[in-house]
């Protein structure tokens, strides 16, 4: 499927994606925990948390996963569109898991985060962070 150099580049991109996403997820969960403690509104809390994580994630993805991507002005609006999609998926899945399936908040967020992370990698790689063309 991949040649050696293509696989190596994919591996670096994927590890960078995971590192950036892990740090952004930490921000998301920290803000979410803060708001859950303050408001007891889990869906609102995950929405604010994911928005906070998205801000951190954009910069980190450019630096760690997709350093050869087009300049910020070209990727920013594609990133915002991908965030809107991810926020809808995040809130929808979290809502269903907490309200209808009755998962505890932390389990619901772990499942939701894993699903959204997989979707984000595909969307970022194919649609958001295109490499510069010579």
N, C-alpha and C. Protein backbone atom coordinates (compact mmCIF):
# COMPACT_ATOMS: atom_id res chain seq x y z
N UNK A 1 0.82 -1.19 0.00
CA UNK A 1 0.00 0.00 0.00
C UNK A 1 0.87 1.25 0.00
N UNK A 2 1.86 1.32 0.88
CA UNK A 2 2.77 2.44 0.97
C UNK A 2 4.18 1.97 0.65
N UNK A 3 4.98 2.85 0.00
CA UNK A 3 6.41 2.60 -0.11
C UNK A 3 7.06 2.94 1.21
N UNK A 4 8.35 2.60 1.37
CA UNK A 4 9.04 2.86 2.64
C UNK A 4 8.99 4.33 3.04
N UNK A 5 9.31 5.24 2.11
CA UNK A 5 9.32 6.66 2.47
C UNK A 5 7.90 7.19 2.69
N UNK A 6 6.94 6.68 1.93
CA UNK A 6 5.55 7.09 2.13
C UNK A 6 5.05 6.63 3.49
N UNK A 7 5.39 5.38 3.86
CA UNK A 7 4.97 4.86 5.16
C UNK A 7 5.63 5.64 6.30
N UNK A 8 6.90 5.96 6.14
CA UNK A 8 7.61 6.73 7.15
C UNK A 8 6.97 8.10 7.33
N UNK A 9 6.63 8.75 6.22
CA UNK A 9 5.98 10.07 6.29
C UNK A 9 4.59 9.95 6.93
N UNK A 10 3.86 8.88 6.56
CA UNK A 10 2.54 8.65 7.17
C UNK A 10 2.68 8.46 8.67
N UNK A 11 3.66 7.67 9.08
CA UNK A 11 3.87 7.39 10.51
C UNK A 11 4.18 8.68 11.27
N UNK A 12 5.05 9.53 10.72
CA UNK A 12 5.38 10.81 11.36
C UNK A 12 4.12 11.68 11.46
N UNK A 13 3.34 11.73 10.39
CA UNK A 13 2.11 12.51 10.40
C UNK A 13 1.14 11.98 11.46
N UNK A 14 0.99 10.66 11.51
CA UNK A 14 0.05 10.06 12.45
C UNK A 14 0.49 10.27 13.90
N UNK A 15 1.77 10.11 14.17
CA UNK A 15 2.27 10.34 15.54
C UNK A 15 2.09 11.82 15.91
N UNK A 16 2.38 12.72 14.99
CA UNK A 16 2.16 14.15 15.24
C UNK A 16 0.70 14.46 15.49
N UNK A 17 -0.18 13.81 14.70
CA UNK A 17 -1.62 13.98 14.88
C UNK A 17 -2.04 13.53 16.27
N UNK A 18 -1.54 12.36 16.69
CA UNK A 18 -1.89 11.85 18.02
C UNK A 18 -1.36 12.75 19.13
N UNK A 19 -0.13 13.26 18.98
CA UNK A 19 0.44 14.14 20.00
C UNK A 19 -0.36 15.44 20.10
N UNK A 20 -0.62 16.06 18.95
CA UNK A 20 -1.39 17.31 18.94
C UNK A 20 -2.80 17.07 19.48
N UNK A 21 -3.41 15.99 19.02
CA UNK A 21 -4.76 15.67 19.48
C UNK A 21 -4.80 15.34 20.95
N UNK A 22 -3.77 14.66 21.44
CA UNK A 22 -3.71 14.33 22.87
C UNK A 22 -3.62 15.58 23.74
N UNK A 23 -2.79 16.51 23.32
CA UNK A 23 -2.68 17.77 24.08
C UNK A 23 -3.98 18.56 23.99
N UNK A 24 -4.57 18.63 22.81
CA UNK A 24 -5.83 19.35 22.65
C UNK A 24 -6.95 18.68 23.43
N UNK A 25 -6.94 17.35 23.47
CA UNK A 25 -7.95 16.61 24.23
C UNK A 25 -7.80 16.89 25.72
N UNK A 26 -6.56 17.01 26.19
CA UNK A 26 -6.33 17.35 27.59
C UNK A 26 -6.97 18.70 27.91
N UNK A 27 -6.79 19.67 27.01
CA UNK A 27 -7.42 20.99 27.20
C UNK A 27 -8.94 20.83 27.20
N UNK A 28 -9.46 20.09 26.21
CA UNK A 28 -10.91 19.86 26.11
C UNK A 28 -11.45 19.30 27.43
N UNK A 29 -10.84 18.22 27.91
CA UNK A 29 -11.35 17.56 29.10
C UNK A 29 -11.19 18.41 30.35
N UNK A 30 -10.11 19.17 30.44
CA UNK A 30 -9.90 20.03 31.60
C UNK A 30 -10.97 21.12 31.66
N UNK A 31 -11.23 21.74 30.51
CA UNK A 31 -12.26 22.79 30.47
C UNK A 31 -13.63 22.16 30.72
N UNK A 32 -13.87 21.00 30.13
CA UNK A 32 -15.14 20.30 30.34
C UNK A 32 -15.35 19.99 31.83
N UNK A 33 -14.32 19.46 32.48
CA UNK A 33 -14.42 19.13 33.91
C UNK A 33 -14.71 20.38 34.73
N UNK A 34 -14.04 21.47 34.39
CA UNK A 34 -14.29 22.73 35.09
C UNK A 34 -15.75 23.15 34.96
N UNK A 35 -16.28 23.10 33.74
CA UNK A 35 -17.66 23.53 33.52
C UNK A 35 -18.67 22.55 34.10
N UNK A 36 -18.38 21.25 34.07
CA UNK A 36 -19.27 20.29 34.71
C UNK A 36 -19.35 20.61 36.20
N UNK A 37 -18.21 20.92 36.79
CA UNK A 37 -18.19 21.27 38.21
C UNK A 37 -18.93 22.55 38.52
N UNK A 38 -18.88 23.49 37.59
CA UNK A 38 -19.52 24.79 37.82
C UNK A 38 -21.01 24.80 37.48
N UNK A 39 -21.39 24.06 36.41
CA UNK A 39 -22.76 24.19 35.91
C UNK A 39 -23.59 22.92 35.99
N UNK A 40 -22.95 21.77 36.09
CA UNK A 40 -23.66 20.48 36.06
C UNK A 40 -24.43 20.28 34.74
N UNK A 41 -23.99 20.92 33.68
CA UNK A 41 -24.60 20.75 32.36
C UNK A 41 -23.59 20.06 31.45
N UNK A 42 -23.60 18.72 31.39
CA UNK A 42 -22.56 17.99 30.66
C UNK A 42 -22.46 18.34 29.17
N UNK A 43 -23.59 18.48 28.47
CA UNK A 43 -23.52 18.75 27.03
C UNK A 43 -22.94 20.15 26.78
N UNK A 44 -23.36 21.14 27.53
CA UNK A 44 -22.78 22.48 27.41
C UNK A 44 -21.28 22.43 27.73
N UNK A 45 -20.93 21.68 28.74
CA UNK A 45 -19.54 21.59 29.16
C UNK A 45 -18.66 20.97 28.09
N UNK A 46 -19.12 19.91 27.44
CA UNK A 46 -18.32 19.29 26.39
C UNK A 46 -18.24 20.19 25.17
N UNK A 47 -19.27 20.97 24.91
CA UNK A 47 -19.23 21.91 23.79
C UNK A 47 -18.17 22.99 24.02
N UNK A 48 -18.14 23.57 25.21
CA UNK A 48 -17.13 24.59 25.53
C UNK A 48 -15.74 23.96 25.57
N UNK A 49 -15.65 22.76 26.12
CA UNK A 49 -14.36 22.06 26.15
C UNK A 49 -13.83 21.77 24.77
N UNK A 50 -14.69 21.30 23.88
CA UNK A 50 -14.23 20.97 22.53
C UNK A 50 -13.82 22.23 21.77
N UNK A 51 -14.49 23.32 21.99
CA UNK A 51 -14.10 24.58 21.35
C UNK A 51 -12.72 25.02 21.83
N UNK A 52 -12.48 24.89 23.12
CA UNK A 52 -11.16 25.24 23.66
C UNK A 52 -10.07 24.35 23.11
N UNK A 53 -10.34 23.06 23.05
CA UNK A 53 -9.38 22.12 22.48
C UNK A 53 -9.12 22.38 21.00
N UNK A 54 -10.13 22.81 20.29
CA UNK A 54 -9.98 23.07 18.85
C UNK A 54 -9.00 24.21 18.58
N UNK A 55 -9.03 25.21 19.43
CA UNK A 55 -8.11 26.34 19.26
C UNK A 55 -6.67 25.87 19.41
N UNK A 56 -6.42 25.09 20.43
CA UNK A 56 -5.08 24.56 20.67
C UNK A 56 -4.69 23.58 19.56
N UNK A 57 -5.64 22.77 19.16
CA UNK A 57 -5.39 21.74 18.16
C UNK A 57 -4.96 22.30 16.81
N UNK A 58 -5.57 23.40 16.37
CA UNK A 58 -5.24 23.97 15.06
C UNK A 58 -3.76 24.29 14.96
N UNK A 59 -3.26 24.99 15.94
CA UNK A 59 -1.85 25.38 15.92
C UNK A 59 -0.95 24.15 16.01
N UNK A 60 -1.29 23.22 16.90
CA UNK A 60 -0.47 22.02 17.07
C UNK A 60 -0.48 21.11 15.84
N UNK A 61 -1.61 20.97 15.19
CA UNK A 61 -1.66 20.14 13.98
C UNK A 61 -0.74 20.71 12.91
N UNK A 62 -0.75 22.03 12.76
CA UNK A 62 0.15 22.67 11.79
C UNK A 62 1.61 22.42 12.13
N UNK A 63 1.93 22.43 13.40
CA UNK A 63 3.32 22.28 13.84
C UNK A 63 3.78 20.83 13.87
N UNK A 64 2.96 19.94 14.40
CA UNK A 64 3.40 18.58 14.68
C UNK A 64 3.02 17.55 13.62
N UNK A 65 1.84 17.66 13.05
CA UNK A 65 1.36 16.62 12.14
C UNK A 65 1.48 16.99 10.68
N UNK A 66 1.19 18.23 10.36
CA UNK A 66 1.13 18.65 8.97
C UNK A 66 1.99 19.89 8.73
N UNK A 67 3.29 19.81 9.00
CA UNK A 67 4.14 20.99 8.85
C UNK A 67 4.29 21.44 7.40
N UNK A 68 4.03 20.57 6.45
CA UNK A 68 4.12 20.93 5.04
C UNK A 68 2.81 21.44 4.46
N UNK A 69 1.83 21.68 5.33
CA UNK A 69 0.51 22.11 4.88
C UNK A 69 0.58 23.53 4.33
N UNK A 70 -0.44 23.85 3.55
CA UNK A 70 -0.55 25.20 3.02
C UNK A 70 -0.57 26.21 4.16
N UNK A 71 -0.33 27.47 3.83
CA UNK A 71 -0.26 28.49 4.86
C UNK A 71 -1.60 28.62 5.60
N UNK A 72 -1.53 29.21 6.76
CA UNK A 72 -2.67 29.32 7.65
C UNK A 72 -3.91 29.91 7.00
N UNK A 73 -3.75 30.92 6.18
CA UNK A 73 -4.90 31.57 5.57
C UNK A 73 -5.72 30.59 4.73
N UNK A 74 -5.06 29.62 4.13
CA UNK A 74 -5.77 28.65 3.29
C UNK A 74 -6.38 27.51 4.10
N UNK A 75 -5.76 27.15 5.18
CA UNK A 75 -6.25 26.01 5.95
C UNK A 75 -7.27 26.41 7.02
N UNK A 76 -7.24 27.68 7.43
CA UNK A 76 -8.06 28.10 8.56
C UNK A 76 -9.55 27.86 8.36
N UNK A 77 -10.10 28.24 7.22
CA UNK A 77 -11.54 28.10 7.00
C UNK A 77 -11.94 26.64 6.79
N UNK A 78 -11.06 25.85 6.18
CA UNK A 78 -11.32 24.41 6.08
C UNK A 78 -11.32 23.80 7.48
N UNK A 79 -10.39 24.26 8.32
CA UNK A 79 -10.33 23.76 9.70
C UNK A 79 -11.60 24.13 10.47
N UNK A 80 -12.06 25.37 10.31
CA UNK A 80 -13.29 25.77 11.00
C UNK A 80 -14.47 24.91 10.57
N UNK A 81 -14.56 24.60 9.28
CA UNK A 81 -15.64 23.73 8.79
C UNK A 81 -15.51 22.33 9.39
N UNK A 82 -14.28 21.82 9.47
CA UNK A 82 -14.08 20.49 10.06
C UNK A 82 -14.43 20.52 11.55
N UNK A 83 -14.14 21.64 12.22
CA UNK A 83 -14.50 21.77 13.63
C UNK A 83 -16.01 21.76 13.82
N UNK A 84 -16.72 22.47 12.95
CA UNK A 84 -18.18 22.48 13.04
C UNK A 84 -18.72 21.05 12.92
N UNK A 85 -18.19 20.31 11.97
CA UNK A 85 -18.59 18.91 11.80
C UNK A 85 -18.24 18.10 13.05
N UNK A 86 -17.02 18.26 13.55
CA UNK A 86 -16.59 17.51 14.73
C UNK A 86 -17.41 17.89 15.96
N UNK A 87 -17.74 19.17 16.12
CA UNK A 87 -18.55 19.59 17.26
C UNK A 87 -19.93 18.96 17.21
N UNK A 88 -20.52 18.92 16.01
CA UNK A 88 -21.85 18.30 15.87
C UNK A 88 -21.78 16.82 16.23
N UNK A 89 -20.76 16.13 15.72
CA UNK A 89 -20.60 14.71 16.03
C UNK A 89 -20.33 14.54 17.52
N UNK A 90 -19.43 15.34 18.09
CA UNK A 90 -19.08 15.25 19.51
C UNK A 90 -20.31 15.42 20.39
N UNK A 91 -21.03 16.49 20.19
CA UNK A 91 -22.19 16.78 21.05
C UNK A 91 -23.28 15.74 20.83
N UNK A 92 -23.52 15.35 19.58
CA UNK A 92 -24.58 14.38 19.28
C UNK A 92 -24.30 13.02 19.91
N UNK A 93 -23.09 12.51 19.70
CA UNK A 93 -22.74 11.21 20.26
C UNK A 93 -22.74 11.27 21.79
N UNK A 94 -22.15 12.32 22.35
CA UNK A 94 -22.11 12.48 23.80
C UNK A 94 -23.52 12.56 24.38
N UNK A 95 -24.38 13.31 23.72
CA UNK A 95 -25.77 13.45 24.16
C UNK A 95 -26.48 12.09 24.19
N UNK A 96 -26.34 11.34 23.11
CA UNK A 96 -26.98 10.03 23.03
C UNK A 96 -26.42 9.08 24.09
N UNK A 97 -25.10 9.09 24.24
CA UNK A 97 -24.48 8.17 25.21
C UNK A 97 -24.84 8.51 26.65
N UNK A 98 -24.97 9.80 26.97
CA UNK A 98 -25.29 10.17 28.35
C UNK A 98 -26.79 10.14 28.63
N UNK A 99 -27.58 10.56 27.68
CA UNK A 99 -29.03 10.65 27.93
C UNK A 99 -29.76 9.35 27.62
N UNK A 100 -29.46 8.76 26.47
CA UNK A 100 -30.23 7.60 26.04
C UNK A 100 -29.62 6.27 26.47
N UNK A 101 -28.29 6.17 26.43
CA UNK A 101 -27.61 4.93 26.79
C UNK A 101 -27.22 4.93 28.27
N UNK A 102 -27.23 6.11 28.90
CA UNK A 102 -26.94 6.27 30.33
C UNK A 102 -25.51 5.90 30.71
N UNK A 103 -24.57 6.19 29.80
CA UNK A 103 -23.15 6.01 30.12
C UNK A 103 -22.75 7.08 31.13
N UNK A 104 -21.83 6.77 32.03
CA UNK A 104 -21.26 7.82 32.89
C UNK A 104 -20.55 8.85 32.01
N UNK A 105 -20.45 10.07 32.49
CA UNK A 105 -19.88 11.16 31.69
C UNK A 105 -18.50 10.82 31.16
N UNK A 106 -17.62 10.31 31.98
CA UNK A 106 -16.24 10.06 31.54
C UNK A 106 -16.20 8.98 30.47
N UNK A 107 -16.97 7.92 30.61
CA UNK A 107 -16.99 6.85 29.61
C UNK A 107 -17.57 7.39 28.30
N UNK A 108 -18.63 8.14 28.40
CA UNK A 108 -19.24 8.74 27.20
C UNK A 108 -18.24 9.63 26.48
N UNK A 109 -17.47 10.41 27.23
CA UNK A 109 -16.52 11.31 26.58
C UNK A 109 -15.34 10.54 25.98
N UNK A 110 -14.90 9.47 26.60
CA UNK A 110 -13.81 8.66 26.04
C UNK A 110 -14.26 8.04 24.71
N UNK A 111 -15.45 7.45 24.68
CA UNK A 111 -15.96 6.86 23.45
C UNK A 111 -16.14 7.92 22.37
N UNK A 112 -16.71 9.05 22.76
CA UNK A 112 -16.94 10.14 21.82
C UNK A 112 -15.62 10.67 21.28
N UNK A 113 -14.65 10.86 22.14
CA UNK A 113 -13.34 11.37 21.72
C UNK A 113 -12.67 10.42 20.73
N UNK A 114 -12.73 9.14 20.99
CA UNK A 114 -12.11 8.16 20.08
C UNK A 114 -12.77 8.21 18.71
N UNK A 115 -14.08 8.30 18.67
CA UNK A 115 -14.79 8.38 17.39
C UNK A 115 -14.44 9.66 16.64
N UNK A 116 -14.48 10.78 17.33
CA UNK A 116 -14.19 12.07 16.71
C UNK A 116 -12.72 12.13 16.26
N UNK A 117 -11.81 11.57 17.02
CA UNK A 117 -10.39 11.56 16.64
C UNK A 117 -10.19 10.81 15.32
N UNK A 118 -10.81 9.67 15.18
CA UNK A 118 -10.70 8.92 13.93
C UNK A 118 -11.25 9.69 12.75
N UNK A 119 -12.40 10.29 12.93
CA UNK A 119 -12.97 11.12 11.86
C UNK A 119 -12.07 12.31 11.54
N UNK A 120 -11.54 12.96 12.58
CA UNK A 120 -10.68 14.12 12.36
C UNK A 120 -9.43 13.78 11.57
N UNK A 121 -8.80 12.66 11.86
CA UNK A 121 -7.59 12.29 11.12
C UNK A 121 -7.89 12.19 9.63
N UNK A 122 -8.96 11.53 9.30
CA UNK A 122 -9.34 11.38 7.89
C UNK A 122 -9.63 12.74 7.26
N UNK A 123 -10.41 13.55 7.94
CA UNK A 123 -10.78 14.87 7.40
C UNK A 123 -9.55 15.77 7.28
N UNK A 124 -8.70 15.81 8.30
CA UNK A 124 -7.51 16.66 8.24
C UNK A 124 -6.60 16.25 7.10
N UNK A 125 -6.34 14.96 6.99
CA UNK A 125 -5.41 14.46 5.98
C UNK A 125 -5.93 14.70 4.56
N UNK A 126 -7.20 14.49 4.36
CA UNK A 126 -7.76 14.57 3.00
C UNK A 126 -8.28 15.95 2.61
N UNK A 127 -8.76 16.71 3.59
CA UNK A 127 -9.45 17.95 3.23
C UNK A 127 -8.86 19.24 3.80
N UNK A 128 -8.27 19.18 4.98
CA UNK A 128 -7.90 20.42 5.66
C UNK A 128 -6.45 20.81 5.40
N UNK A 129 -5.53 19.97 5.76
CA UNK A 129 -4.11 20.33 5.75
C UNK A 129 -3.40 19.77 4.51
N UNK A 130 -3.77 20.30 3.36
CA UNK A 130 -3.12 19.89 2.11
C UNK A 130 -1.67 20.33 2.14
N UNK A 131 -0.81 19.50 1.57
CA UNK A 131 0.60 19.91 1.48
C UNK A 131 0.76 20.95 0.40
N UNK A 132 1.73 21.81 0.60
CA UNK A 132 2.03 22.85 -0.39
C UNK A 132 2.44 22.17 -1.69
N UNK A 133 1.97 22.72 -2.78
CA UNK A 133 2.40 22.21 -4.07
C UNK A 133 3.49 23.13 -4.62
N UNK A 134 4.56 22.55 -5.16
CA UNK A 134 5.68 23.37 -5.63
C UNK A 134 5.30 24.26 -6.79
